[in-house]
Amino acid sequence: MIRVSDDRFEELVAEALDGLPAELGEAMDNVSVFVEDRSRRGNLLGLYEGIPLTQRHSGYSGMVMPDRITIFRQTICATCDTEDEVVRQVRRTVVHEVAHHFGIDDARLNELGWD
């Protein structure tokens, strides 16, 4: 396990988001990204909570709370031995959770090699 400060980990998440293709970033809608230490749901690396873009309809508007992507710092750090591994895992986790925002499920992510 490697220790990465809260600030550095948040930088890594921001860099992973900035590294997404511009058209994906522009298409993301009503979603916020957070960093927490651990999930209360087990050893999750990340979690998407919300209504994927592919499932939204004309009734989705107004005062709808943003979707939520959470990246779990301690869980990711526990799976890594170096900061380079943390960088790669953060990127992979961010891409995975953003894919859920776009309606891509775990089975399809597995097919694409992003499991």
PDB file of N, CA and C in Angstrom:
ATOM      1  N   MET A   1       0.843  -1.190   0.000  1.00  0.00           N
ATOM      2  CA  MET A   1       0.000   0.000   0.000  1.00  0.00           C
ATOM      3  C   MET A   1       0.875   1.236   0.000  1.00  0.00           C
ATOM      4  N   ILE A   2       0.465   2.201  -0.793  1.00  0.00           N
ATOM      5  CA  ILE A   2       1.180   3.476  -0.834  1.00  0.00           C
ATOM      6  C   ILE A   2       0.299   4.558  -0.225  1.00  0.00           C
ATOM      7  N   ARG A   3       0.930   5.513   0.401  1.00  0.00           N
ATOM      8  CA  ARG A   3       0.181   6.635   0.974  1.00  0.00           C
ATOM      9  C   ARG A   3       0.291   7.816   0.000  1.00  0.00           C
ATOM     10  N   VAL A   4      -0.863   8.389  -0.307  1.00  0.00           N
ATOM     11  CA  VAL A   4      -0.937   9.568  -1.169  1.00  0.00           C
ATOM     12  C   VAL A   4      -1.789  10.586  -0.423  1.00  0.00           C
ATOM     13  N   SER A   5      -1.295  11.791  -0.312  1.00  0.00           N
ATOM     14  CA  SER A   5      -2.029  12.818   0.432  1.00  0.00           C
ATOM     15  C   SER A   5      -3.374  13.106  -0.230  1.00  0.00           C
ATOM     16  N   ASP A   6      -4.281  13.643   0.560  1.00  0.00           N
ATOM     17  CA  ASP A   6      -5.601  14.017   0.036  1.00  0.00           C
ATOM     18  C   ASP A   6      -5.462  14.974  -1.144  1.00  0.00           C
ATOM     19  N   ASP A   7      -4.626  15.992  -0.986  1.00  0.00           N
ATOM     20  CA  ASP A   7      -4.464  16.992  -2.046  1.00  0.00           C
ATOM     21  C   ASP A   7      -3.903  16.369  -3.324  1.00  0.00           C
ATOM     22  N   ARG A   8      -2.882  15.545  -3.189  1.00  0.00           N
ATOM     23  CA  ARG A   8      -2.279  14.908  -4.366  1.00  0.00           C
ATOM     24  C   ARG A   8      -3.281  13.979  -5.045  1.00  0.00           C
ATOM     25  N   PHE A   9      -4.041  13.236  -4.264  1.00  0.00           N
ATOM     26  CA  PHE A   9      -5.019  12.321  -4.844  1.00  0.00           C
ATOM     27  C   PHE A   9      -6.088  13.109  -5.610  1.00  0.00           C
ATOM     28  N   GLU A  10      -6.553  14.204  -5.043  1.00  0.00           N
ATOM     29  CA  GLU A  10      -7.535  15.037  -5.736  1.00  0.00           C
ATOM     30  C   GLU A  10      -6.958  15.588  -7.037  1.00  0.00           C
ATOM     31  N   GLU A  11      -5.662  15.930  -7.039  1.00  0.00           N
ATOM     32  CA  GLU A  11      -5.004  16.362  -8.273  1.00  0.00           C
ATOM     33  C   GLU A  11      -5.042  15.249  -9.316  1.00  0.00           C
ATOM     34  N   LEU A  12      -4.787  14.016  -8.887  1.00  0.00           N
ATOM     35  CA  LEU A  12      -4.793  12.889  -9.815  1.00  0.00           C
ATOM     36  C   LEU A  12      -6.176  12.669 -10.419  1.00  0.00           C
ATOM     37  N   VAL A  13      -7.211  12.829  -9.605  1.00  0.00           N
ATOM     38  CA  VAL A  13      -8.581  12.693 -10.114  1.00  0.00           C
ATOM     39  C   VAL A  13      -8.862  13.810 -11.113  1.00  0.00           C
ATOM     40  N   ALA A  14      -8.473  15.029 -10.786  1.00  0.00           N
ATOM     41  CA  ALA A  14      -8.680  16.162 -11.700  1.00  0.00           C
ATOM     42  C   ALA A  14      -7.925  15.944 -13.008  1.00  0.00           C
ATOM     43  N   GLU A  15      -6.697  15.436 -12.931  1.00  0.00           N
ATOM     44  CA  GLU A  15      -5.917  15.155 -14.136  1.00  0.00           C
ATOM     45  C   GLU A  15      -6.582  14.074 -14.983  1.00  0.00           C
ATOM     46  N   ALA A  16      -7.144  13.066 -14.326  1.00  0.00           N
ATOM     47  CA  ALA A  16      -7.828  12.001 -15.071  1.00  0.00           C
ATOM     48  C   ALA A  16      -9.058  12.566 -15.783  1.00  0.00           C
ATOM     49  N   LEU A  17      -9.793  13.429 -15.109  1.00  0.00           N
ATOM     50  CA  LEU A  17     -10.957  14.060 -15.749  1.00  0.00           C
ATOM     51  C   LEU A  17     -10.522  14.961 -16.896  1.00  0.00           C
ATOM     52  N   ASP A  18      -9.463  15.727 -16.686  1.00  0.00           N
ATOM     53  CA  ASP A  18      -8.950  16.610 -17.739  1.00  0.00           C
ATOM     54  C   ASP A  18      -8.425  15.813 -18.928  1.00  0.00           C
ATOM     55  N   GLY A  19      -8.016  14.568 -18.682  1.00  0.00           N
ATOM     56  CA  GLY A  19      -7.477  13.724 -19.747  1.00  0.00           C
ATOM     57  C   GLY A  19      -8.535  13.066 -20.614  1.00  0.00           C
ATOM     58  N   LEU A  20      -9.801  13.214 -20.234  1.00  0.00           N
ATOM     59  CA  LEU A  20     -10.871  12.667 -21.063  1.00  0.00           C
ATOM     60  C   LEU A  20     -10.962  13.469 -22.356  1.00  0.00           C
ATOM     61  N   PRO A  21     -11.378  12.833 -23.437  1.00  0.00           N
ATOM     62  CA  PRO A  21     -11.573  13.598 -24.676  1.00  0.00           C
ATOM     63  C   PRO A  21     -12.541  14.758 -24.443  1.00  0.00           C
ATOM     64  N   ALA A  22     -12.252  15.889 -25.058  1.00  0.00           N
ATOM     65  CA  ALA A  22     -13.031  17.109 -24.837  1.00  0.00           C
ATOM     66  C   ALA A  22     -14.519  16.890 -25.110  1.00  0.00           C
ATOM     67  N   GLU A  23     -14.833  16.117 -26.154  1.00  0.00           N
ATOM     68  CA  GLU A  23     -16.243  15.913 -26.491  1.00  0.00           C
ATOM     69  C   GLU A  23     -16.979  15.140 -25.389  1.00  0.00           C
ATOM     70  N   LEU A  24     -16.281  14.264 -24.671  1.00  0.00           N
ATOM     71  CA  LEU A  24     -16.909  13.573 -23.534  1.00  0.00           C
ATOM     72  C   LEU A  24     -17.163  14.543 -22.392  1.00  0.00           C
ATOM     73  N   GLY A  25     -16.168  15.343 -22.081  1.00  0.00           N
ATOM     74  CA  GLY A  25     -16.334  16.330 -21.020  1.00  0.00           C
ATOM     75  C   GLY A  25     -17.476  17.281 -21.306  1.00  0.00           C
ATOM     76  N   GLU A  26     -17.610  17.691 -22.550  1.00  0.00           N
ATOM     77  CA  GLU A  26     -18.688  18.595 -22.931  1.00  0.00           C
ATOM     78  C   GLU A  26     -20.047  17.906 -22.849  1.00  0.00           C
ATOM     79  N   ALA A  27     -20.085  16.594 -23.079  1.00  0.00           N
ATOM     80  CA  ALA A  27     -21.352  15.850 -23.074  1.00  0.00           C
ATOM     81  C   ALA A  27     -21.803  15.469 -21.663  1.00  0.00           C
ATOM     82  N   MET A  28     -20.894  15.496 -20.705  1.00  0.00           N
ATOM     83  CA  MET A  28     -21.279  15.165 -19.334  1.00  0.00           C
ATOM     84  C   MET A  28     -22.267  16.215 -18.849  1.00  0.00           C
ATOM     85  N   ASP A  29     -23.324  15.746 -18.177  1.00  0.00           N
ATOM     86  CA  ASP A  29     -24.385  16.666 -17.796  1.00  0.00           C
ATOM     87  C   ASP A  29     -24.870  16.372 -16.380  1.00  0.00           C
ATOM     88  N   ASN A  30     -24.856  17.407 -15.559  1.00  0.00           N
ATOM     89  CA  ASN A  30     -25.400  17.334 -14.203  1.00  0.00           C
ATOM     90  C   ASN A  30     -24.762  16.206 -13.394  1.00  0.00           C
ATOM     91  N   VAL A  31     -23.444  16.221 -13.326  1.00  0.00           N
ATOM     92  CA  VAL A  31     -22.707  15.216 -12.563  1.00  0.00           C
ATOM     93  C   VAL A  31     -21.590  15.905 -11.779  1.00  0.00           C
ATOM     94  N   SER A  32     -21.406  15.499 -10.538  1.00  0.00           N
ATOM     95  CA  SER A  32     -20.332  16.016  -9.686  1.00  0.00           C
ATOM     96  C   SER A  32     -19.413  14.868  -9.313  1.00  0.00           C
ATOM     97  N   VAL A  33     -18.138  15.186  -9.146  1.00  0.00           N
ATOM     98  CA  VAL A  33     -17.137  14.173  -8.803  1.00  0.00           C
ATOM     99  C   VAL A  33     -16.575  14.497  -7.425  1.00  0.00           C
ATOM    100  N   PHE A  34     -16.500  13.454  -6.596  1.00  0.00           N
ATOM    101  CA  PHE A  34     -16.019  13.594  -5.221  1.00  0.00           C
ATOM    102  C   PHE A  34     -14.935  12.575  -4.944  1.00  0.00           C
ATOM    103  N   VAL A  35     -14.112  12.868  -3.946  1.00  0.00           N
ATOM    104  CA  VAL A  35     -13.128  11.922  -3.434  1.00  0.00           C
ATOM    105  C   VAL A  35     -13.482  11.658  -1.974  1.00  0.00           C
ATOM    106  N   GLU A  36     -13.558  10.394  -1.617  1.00  0.00           N
ATOM    107  CA  GLU A  36     -13.759   9.992  -0.229  1.00  0.00           C
ATOM    108  C   GLU A  36     -12.719   8.933   0.105  1.00  0.00           C
ATOM    109  N   ASP A  37     -12.510   8.691   1.396  1.00  0.00           N
ATOM    110  CA  ASP A  37     -11.504   7.710   1.790  1.00  0.00           C
ATOM    111  C   ASP A  37     -11.901   6.296   1.408  1.00  0.00           C
ATOM    112  N   ARG A  38     -13.080   5.869   1.848  1.00  0.00           N
ATOM    113  CA  ARG A  38     -13.535   4.489   1.621  1.00  0.00           C
ATOM    114  C   ARG A  38     -15.030   4.464   1.365  1.00  0.00           C
ATOM    115  N   SER A  39     -15.442   3.424   0.661  1.00  0.00           N
ATOM    116  CA  SER A  39     -16.867   3.199   0.453  1.00  0.00           C
ATOM    117  C   SER A  39     -17.448   2.452   1.646  1.00  0.00           C
ATOM    118  N   ARG A  40     -18.666   2.769   1.980  1.00  0.00           N
ATOM    119  CA  ARG A  40     -19.364   2.008   3.009  1.00  0.00           C
ATOM    120  C   ARG A  40     -19.951   0.728   2.420  1.00  0.00           C
ATOM    121  N   ARG A  41     -19.834   0.563   1.118  1.00  0.00           N
ATOM    122  CA  ARG A  41     -20.402  -0.600   0.422  1.00  0.00           C
ATOM    123  C   ARG A  41     -19.353  -1.663   0.108  1.00  0.00           C
ATOM    124  N   GLY A  42     -18.245  -1.656   0.770  1.00  0.00           N
ATOM    125  CA  GLY A  42     -17.204  -2.644   0.506  1.00  0.00           C
ATOM    126  C   GLY A  42     -15.970  -2.000  -0.079  1.00  0.00           C
ATOM    127  N   ASN A  43     -15.192  -2.783  -0.749  1.00  0.00           N
ATOM    128  CA  ASN A  43     -13.909  -2.316  -1.282  1.00  0.00           C
ATOM    129  C   ASN A  43     -14.025  -1.757  -2.697  1.00  0.00           C
ATOM    130  N   LEU A  44     -14.948  -0.857  -2.903  1.00  0.00           N
ATOM    131  CA  LEU A  44     -15.115  -0.230  -4.211  1.00  0.00           C
ATOM    132  C   LEU A  44     -13.994   0.772  -4.460  1.00  0.00           C
ATOM    133  N   LEU A  45     -13.546   0.842  -5.701  1.00  0.00           N
ATOM    134  CA  LEU A  45     -12.568   1.855  -6.092  1.00  0.00           C
ATOM    135  C   LEU A  45     -13.271   3.147  -6.480  1.00  0.00           C
ATOM    136  N   GLY A  46     -14.462   3.000  -7.035  1.00  0.00           N
ATOM    137  CA  GLY A  46     -15.257   4.149  -7.442  1.00  0.00           C
ATOM    138  C   GLY A  46     -16.721   3.762  -7.469  1.00  0.00           C
ATOM    139  N   LEU A  47     -17.578   4.771  -7.533  1.00  0.00           N
ATOM    140  CA  LEU A  47     -19.011   4.517  -7.539  1.00  0.00           C
ATOM    141  C   LEU A  47     -19.714   5.617  -8.310  1.00  0.00           C
ATOM    142  N   TYR A  48     -20.597   5.204  -9.219  1.00  0.00           N
ATOM    143  CA  TYR A  48     -21.472   6.147  -9.925  1.00  0.00           C
ATOM    144  C   TYR A  48     -22.875   5.997  -9.362  1.00  0.00           C
ATOM    145  N   GLU A  49     -23.474   7.109  -8.988  1.00  0.00           N
ATOM    146  CA  GLU A  49     -24.843   7.115  -8.492  1.00  0.00           C
ATOM    147  C   GLU A  49     -25.613   8.174  -9.274  1.00  0.00           C
ATOM    148  N   GLY A  50     -26.678   7.756  -9.921  1.00  0.00           N
ATOM    149  CA  GLY A  50     -27.474   8.720 -10.658  1.00  0.00           C
ATOM    150  C   GLY A  50     -28.265   8.073 -11.764  1.00  0.00           C
ATOM    151  N   ILE A  51     -28.705   8.897 -12.688  1.00  0.00           N
ATOM    152  CA  ILE A  51     -29.471   8.447 -13.842  1.00  0.00           C
ATOM    153  C   ILE A  51     -28.577   8.638 -15.072  1.00  0.00           C
ATOM    154  N   PRO A  52     -28.143   7.532 -15.681  1.00  0.00           N
ATOM    155  CA  PRO A  52     -27.270   7.653 -16.855  1.00  0.00           C
ATOM    156  C   PRO A  52     -27.921   8.492 -17.957  1.00  0.00           C
ATOM    157  N   LEU A  53     -27.097   9.131 -18.744  1.00  0.00           N
ATOM    158  CA  LEU A  53     -27.598   9.974 -19.827  1.00  0.00           C
ATOM    159  C   LEU A  53     -28.538   9.212 -20.751  1.00  0.00           C
ATOM    160  N   THR A  54     -28.277   7.934 -20.967  1.00  0.00           N
ATOM    161  CA  THR A  54     -29.094   7.133 -21.870  1.00  0.00           C
ATOM    162  C   THR A  54     -30.477   6.816 -21.306  1.00  0.00           C
ATOM    163  N   GLN A  55     -30.688   7.046 -20.016  1.00  0.00           N
ATOM    164  CA  GLN A  55     -31.977   6.744 -19.397  1.00  0.00           C
ATOM    165  C   GLN A  55     -32.767   8.004 -19.037  1.00  0.00           C
ATOM    166  N   ARG A  56     -32.214   9.148 -19.329  1.00  0.00           N
ATOM    167  CA  ARG A  56     -32.925  10.391 -19.045  1.00  0.00           C
ATOM    168  C   ARG A  56     -33.950  10.652 -20.149  1.00  0.00           C
ATOM    169  N   HIS A  57     -35.058  11.243 -19.768  1.00  0.00           N
ATOM    170  CA  HIS A  57     -36.102  11.543 -20.734  1.00  0.00           C
ATOM    171  C   HIS A  57     -36.555  12.983 -20.551  1.00  0.00           C
ATOM    172  N   SER A  58     -37.583  13.371 -21.255  1.00  0.00           N
ATOM    173  CA  SER A  58     -38.024  14.769 -21.228  1.00  0.00           C
ATOM    174  C   SER A  58     -38.432  15.240 -19.834  1.00  0.00           C
ATOM    175  N   GLY A  59     -38.795  14.318 -18.938  1.00  0.00           N
ATOM    176  CA  GLY A  59     -39.164  14.688 -17.576  1.00  0.00           C
ATOM    177  C   GLY A  59     -37.965  14.972 -16.681  1.00  0.00           C
ATOM    178  N   TYR A  60     -36.765  14.726 -17.197  1.00  0.00           N
ATOM    179  CA  TYR A  60     -35.545  14.965 -16.419  1.00  0.00           C
ATOM    180  C   TYR A  60     -35.139  16.424 -16.621  1.00  0.00           C
ATOM    181  N   SER A  61     -35.545  17.254 -15.702  1.00  0.00           N
ATOM    182  CA  SER A  61     -35.173  18.667 -15.789  1.00  0.00           C
ATOM    183  C   SER A  61     -35.509  19.344 -14.466  1.00  0.00           C
ATOM    184  N   GLY A  62     -35.231  20.620 -14.419  1.00  0.00           N
ATOM    185  CA  GLY A  62     -35.576  21.386 -13.233  1.00  0.00           C
ATOM    186  C   GLY A  62     -34.617  21.173 -12.088  1.00  0.00           C
ATOM    187  N   MET A  63     -35.161  20.885 -10.926  1.00  0.00           N
ATOM    188  CA  MET A  63     -34.373  20.793  -9.702  1.00  0.00           C
ATOM    189  C   MET A  63     -33.926  19.363  -9.416  1.00  0.00           C
ATOM    190  N   VAL A  64     -33.235  18.773 -10.359  1.00  0.00           N
ATOM    191  CA  VAL A  64     -32.734  17.408 -10.196  1.00  0.00           C
ATOM    192  C   VAL A  64     -31.342  17.481  -9.586  1.00  0.00           C
ATOM    193  N   MET A  65     -31.138  16.719  -8.530  1.00  0.00           N
ATOM    194  CA  MET A  65     -29.808  16.676  -7.911  1.00  0.00           C
ATOM    195  C   MET A  65     -28.809  16.099  -8.911  1.00  0.00           C
ATOM    196  N   PRO A  66     -27.574  16.574  -8.876  1.00  0.00           N
ATOM    197  CA  PRO A  66     -26.570  16.037  -9.803  1.00  0.00           C
ATOM    198  C   PRO A  66     -26.281  14.563  -9.528  1.00  0.00           C
ATOM    199  N   ASP A  67     -25.936  13.849 -10.601  1.00  0.00           N
ATOM    200  CA  ASP A  67     -25.386  12.515 -10.430  1.00  0.00           C
ATOM    201  C   ASP A  67     -24.103  12.671  -9.634  1.00  0.00           C
ATOM    202  N   ARG A  68     -23.637  11.566  -9.091  1.00  0.00           N
ATOM    203  CA  ARG A  68     -22.459  11.612  -8.227  1.00  0.00           C
ATOM    204  C   ARG A  68     -21.483  10.510  -8.627  1.00  0.00           C
ATOM    205  N   ILE A  69     -20.253  10.907  -8.883  1.00  0.00           N
ATOM    206  CA  ILE A  69     -19.155   9.958  -9.062  1.00  0.00           C
ATOM    207  C   ILE A  69     -18.240  10.132  -7.869  1.00  0.00           C
ATOM    208  N   THR A  70     -17.974   9.036  -7.174  1.00  0.00           N
ATOM    209  CA  THR A  70     -17.076   9.085  -6.024  1.00  0.00           C
ATOM    210  C   THR A  70     -15.895   8.165  -6.292  1.00  0.00           C
ATOM    211  N   ILE A  71     -14.700   8.679  -6.055  1.00  0.00           N
ATOM    212  CA  ILE A  71     -13.468   7.912  -6.199  1.00  0.00           C
ATOM    213  C   ILE A  71     -12.915   7.723  -4.786  1.00  0.00           C
ATOM    214  N   PHE A  72     -12.577   6.471  -4.445  1.00  0.00           N
ATOM    215  CA  PHE A  72     -12.192   6.138  -3.075  1.00  0.00           C
ATOM    216  C   PHE A  72     -10.676   6.023  -2.932  1.00  0.00           C
ATOM    217  N   ARG A  73     -10.104   7.016  -2.259  1.00  0.00           N
ATOM    218  CA  ARG A  73      -8.649   7.166  -2.136  1.00  0.00           C
ATOM    219  C   ARG A  73      -7.982   5.991  -1.434  1.00  0.00           C
ATOM    220  N   GLN A  74      -8.397   5.676  -0.235  1.00  0.00           N
ATOM    221  CA  GLN A  74      -7.707   4.632   0.529  1.00  0.00           C
ATOM    222  C   GLN A  74      -7.823   3.266  -0.141  1.00  0.00           C
ATOM    223  N   THR A  75      -8.965   2.985  -0.745  1.00  0.00           N
ATOM    224  CA  THR A  75      -9.150   1.699  -1.404  1.00  0.00           C
ATOM    225  C   THR A  75      -8.212   1.578  -2.600  1.00  0.00           C
ATOM    226  N   ILE A  76      -8.111   2.643  -3.380  1.00  0.00           N
ATOM    227  CA  ILE A  76      -7.184   2.619  -4.523  1.00  0.00           C
ATOM    228  C   ILE A  76      -5.755   2.504  -4.032  1.00  0.00           C
ATOM    229  N   CYS A  77      -5.381   3.303  -3.054  1.00  0.00           N
ATOM    230  CA  CYS A  77      -3.997   3.255  -2.551  1.00  0.00           C
ATOM    231  C   CYS A  77      -3.644   1.886  -1.982  1.00  0.00           C
ATOM    232  N   ALA A  78      -4.625   1.201  -1.409  1.00  0.00           N
ATOM    233  CA  ALA A  78      -4.373  -0.134  -0.846  1.00  0.00           C
ATOM    234  C   ALA A  78      -4.072  -1.173  -1.918  1.00  0.00           C
ATOM    235  N   THR A  79      -4.467  -0.901  -3.165  1.00  0.00           N
ATOM    236  CA  THR A  79      -4.223  -1.855  -4.247  1.00  0.00           C
ATOM    237  C   THR A  79      -2.933  -1.552  -5.000  1.00  0.00           C
ATOM    238  N   CYS A  80      -2.246  -0.482  -4.627  1.00  0.00           N
ATOM    239  CA  CYS A  80      -1.080  -0.016  -5.384  1.00  0.00           C
ATOM    240  C   CYS A  80       0.176   0.010  -4.519  1.00  0.00           C
ATOM    241  N   ASP A  81       1.317  -0.173  -5.181  1.00  0.00           N
ATOM    242  CA  ASP A  81       2.606  -0.116  -4.493  1.00  0.00           C
ATOM    243  C   ASP A  81       3.404   1.138  -4.812  1.00  0.00           C
ATOM    244  N   THR A  82       3.060   1.806  -5.918  1.00  0.00           N
ATOM    245  CA  THR A  82       3.797   3.006  -6.325  1.00  0.00           C
ATOM    246  C   THR A  82       2.809   4.097  -6.730  1.00  0.00           C
ATOM    247  N   GLU A  83       3.291   5.329  -6.769  1.00  0.00           N
ATOM    248  CA  GLU A  83       2.422   6.416  -7.204  1.00  0.00           C
ATOM    249  C   GLU A  83       2.041   6.247  -8.673  1.00  0.00           C
ATOM    250  N   ASP A  84       2.938   5.709  -9.494  1.00  0.00           N
ATOM    251  CA  ASP A  84       2.590   5.459 -10.898  1.00  0.00           C
ATOM    252  C   ASP A  84       1.405   4.506 -11.012  1.00  0.00           C
ATOM    253  N   GLU A  85       1.366   3.496 -10.152  1.00  0.00           N
ATOM    254  CA  GLU A  85       0.223   2.579 -10.150  1.00  0.00           C
ATOM    255  C   GLU A  85      -1.047   3.312  -9.721  1.00  0.00           C
ATOM    256  N   VAL A  86      -0.929   4.213  -8.744  1.00  0.00           N
ATOM    257  CA  VAL A  86      -2.083   4.995  -8.301  1.00  0.00           C
ATOM    258  C   VAL A  86      -2.589   5.855  -9.462  1.00  0.00           C
ATOM    259  N   VAL A  87      -1.689   6.506 -10.181  1.00  0.00           N
ATOM    260  CA  VAL A  87      -2.076   7.338 -11.323  1.00  0.00           C
ATOM    261  C   VAL A  87      -2.867   6.507 -12.326  1.00  0.00           C
ATOM    262  N   ARG A  88      -2.359   5.327 -12.674  1.00  0.00           N
ATOM    263  CA  ARG A  88      -3.046   4.460 -13.638  1.00  0.00           C
ATOM    264  C   ARG A  88      -4.395   3.992 -13.109  1.00  0.00           C
ATOM    265  N   GLN A  89      -4.448   3.618 -11.826  1.00  0.00           N
ATOM    266  CA  GLN A  89      -5.704   3.115 -11.267  1.00  0.00           C
ATOM    267  C   GLN A  89      -6.745   4.219 -11.136  1.00  0.00           C
ATOM    268  N   VAL A  90      -6.318   5.416 -10.770  1.00  0.00           N
ATOM    269  CA  VAL A  90      -7.250   6.544 -10.703  1.00  0.00           C
ATOM    270  C   VAL A  90      -7.831   6.807 -12.084  1.00  0.00           C
ATOM    271  N   ARG A  91      -6.977   6.830 -13.105  1.00  0.00           N
ATOM    272  CA  ARG A  91      -7.467   7.077 -14.464  1.00  0.00           C
ATOM    273  C   ARG A  91      -8.458   5.998 -14.866  1.00  0.00           C
ATOM    274  N   ARG A  92      -8.102   4.757 -14.626  1.00  0.00           N
ATOM    275  CA  ARG A  92      -8.976   3.637 -14.990  1.00  0.00           C
ATOM    276  C   ARG A  92     -10.320   3.734 -14.253  1.00  0.00           C
ATOM    277  N   THR A  93     -10.282   4.083 -12.990  1.00  0.00           N
ATOM    278  CA  THR A  93     -11.505   4.182 -12.188  1.00  0.00           C
ATOM    279  C   THR A  93     -12.358   5.354 -12.647  1.00  0.00           C
ATOM    280  N   VAL A  94     -11.746   6.491 -12.917  1.00  0.00           N
ATOM    281  CA  VAL A  94     -12.490   7.652 -13.403  1.00  0.00           C
ATOM    282  C   VAL A  94     -13.167   7.315 -14.733  1.00  0.00           C
ATOM    283  N   VAL A  95     -12.430   6.709 -15.654  1.00  0.00           N
ATOM    284  CA  VAL A  95     -13.008   6.334 -16.951  1.00  0.00           C
ATOM    285  C   VAL A  95     -14.180   5.375 -16.748  1.00  0.00           C
ATOM    286  N   HIS A  96     -14.004   4.408 -15.867  1.00  0.00           N
ATOM    287  CA  HIS A  96     -15.046   3.417 -15.581  1.00  0.00           C
ATOM    288  C   HIS A  96     -16.324   4.098 -15.076  1.00  0.00           C
ATOM    289  N   GLU A  97     -16.195   4.995 -14.121  1.00  0.00           N
ATOM    290  CA  GLU A  97     -17.375   5.646 -13.537  1.00  0.00           C
ATOM    291  C   GLU A  97     -18.006   6.639 -14.506  1.00  0.00           C
ATOM    292  N   VAL A  98     -17.207   7.345 -15.279  1.00  0.00           N
ATOM    293  CA  VAL A  98     -17.739   8.247 -16.301  1.00  0.00           C
ATOM    294  C   VAL A  98     -18.501   7.434 -17.350  1.00  0.00           C
ATOM    295  N   ALA A  99     -17.993   6.264 -17.682  1.00  0.00           N
ATOM    296  CA  ALA A  99     -18.695   5.397 -18.634  1.00  0.00           C
ATOM    297  C   ALA A  99     -20.087   5.050 -18.113  1.00  0.00           C
ATOM    298  N   HIS A 100     -20.209   4.791 -16.830  1.00  0.00           N
ATOM    299  CA  HIS A 100     -21.534   4.530 -16.255  1.00  0.00           C
ATOM    300  C   HIS A 100     -22.451   5.743 -16.436  1.00  0.00           C
ATOM    301  N   HIS A 101     -21.918   6.944 -16.303  1.00  0.00           N
ATOM    302  CA  HIS A 101     -22.694   8.164 -16.525  1.00  0.00           C
ATOM    303  C   HIS A 101     -23.256   8.196 -17.948  1.00  0.00           C
ATOM    304  N   PHE A 102     -22.496   7.625 -18.889  1.00  0.00           N
ATOM    305  CA  PHE A 102     -22.932   7.574 -20.282  1.00  0.00           C
ATOM    306  C   PHE A 102     -23.755   6.326 -20.595  1.00  0.00           C
ATOM    307  N   GLY A 103     -24.071   5.536 -19.560  1.00  0.00           N
ATOM    308  CA  GLY A 103     -24.945   4.387 -19.743  1.00  0.00           C
ATOM    309  C   GLY A 103     -24.253   3.103 -20.135  1.00  0.00           C
ATOM    310  N   ILE A 104     -22.941   3.055 -20.009  1.00  0.00           N
ATOM    311  CA  ILE A 104     -22.192   1.841 -20.339  1.00  0.00           C
ATOM    312  C   ILE A 104     -22.116   0.980 -19.088  1.00  0.00           C
ATOM    313  N   ASP A 105     -22.626  -0.242 -19.164  1.00  0.00           N
ATOM    314  CA  ASP A 105     -22.673  -1.115 -17.984  1.00  0.00           C
ATOM    315  C   ASP A 105     -21.377  -1.912 -17.824  1.00  0.00           C
ATOM    316  N   ASP A 106     -21.272  -2.617 -16.702  1.00  0.00           N
ATOM    317  CA  ASP A 106     -20.059  -3.373 -16.390  1.00  0.00           C
ATOM    318  C   ASP A 106     -19.755  -4.441 -17.432  1.00  0.00           C
ATOM    319  N   ALA A 107     -20.781  -5.101 -17.970  1.00  0.00           N
ATOM    320  CA  ALA A 107     -20.550  -6.138 -18.977  1.00  0.00           C
ATOM    321  C   ALA A 107     -19.868  -5.549 -20.209  1.00  0.00           C
ATOM    322  N   ARG A 108     -20.352  -4.405 -20.672  1.00  0.00           N
ATOM    323  CA  ARG A 108     -19.748  -3.773 -21.846  1.00  0.00           C
ATOM    324  C   ARG A 108     -18.345  -3.256 -21.517  1.00  0.00           C
ATOM    325  N   LEU A 109     -18.158  -2.697 -20.337  1.00  0.00           N
ATOM    326  CA  LEU A 109     -16.815  -2.253 -19.931  1.00  0.00           C
ATOM    327  C   LEU A 109     -15.847  -3.424 -19.910  1.00  0.00           C
ATOM    328  N   ASN A 110     -16.316  -4.580 -19.459  1.00  0.00           N
ATOM    329  CA  ASN A 110     -15.488  -5.781 -19.447  1.00  0.00           C
ATOM    330  C   ASN A 110     -15.093  -6.161 -20.871  1.00  0.00           C
ATOM    331  N   GLU A 111     -16.054  -6.122 -21.779  1.00  0.00           N
ATOM    332  CA  GLU A 111     -15.772  -6.418 -23.193  1.00  0.00           C
ATOM    333  C   GLU A 111     -14.716  -5.472 -23.763  1.00  0.00           C
ATOM    334  N   LEU A 112     -14.764  -4.232 -23.321  1.00  0.00           N
ATOM    335  CA  LEU A 112     -13.845  -3.193 -23.819  1.00  0.00           C
ATOM    336  C   LEU A 112     -12.500  -3.213 -23.086  1.00  0.00           C
ATOM    337  N   GLY A 113     -12.374  -4.070 -22.058  1.00  0.00           N
ATOM    338  CA  GLY A 113     -11.131  -4.139 -21.303  1.00  0.00           C
ATOM    339  C   GLY A 113     -11.008  -3.129 -20.179  1.00  0.00           C
ATOM    340  N   TRP A 114     -12.130  -2.522 -19.763  1.00  0.00           N
ATOM    341  CA  TRP A 114     -12.114  -1.517 -18.702  1.00  0.00           C
ATOM    342  C   TRP A 114     -12.770  -2.041 -17.431  1.00  0.00           C
ATOM    343  N   ASP A 115     -12.702  -3.348 -17.203  1.00  0.00           N
ATOM    344  CA  ASP A 115     -13.348  -3.935 -16.018  1.00  0.00           C
ATOM    345  C   ASP A 115     -12.662  -3.561 -14.744  1.00  0.00           C
TER     346      ASP A 115
END
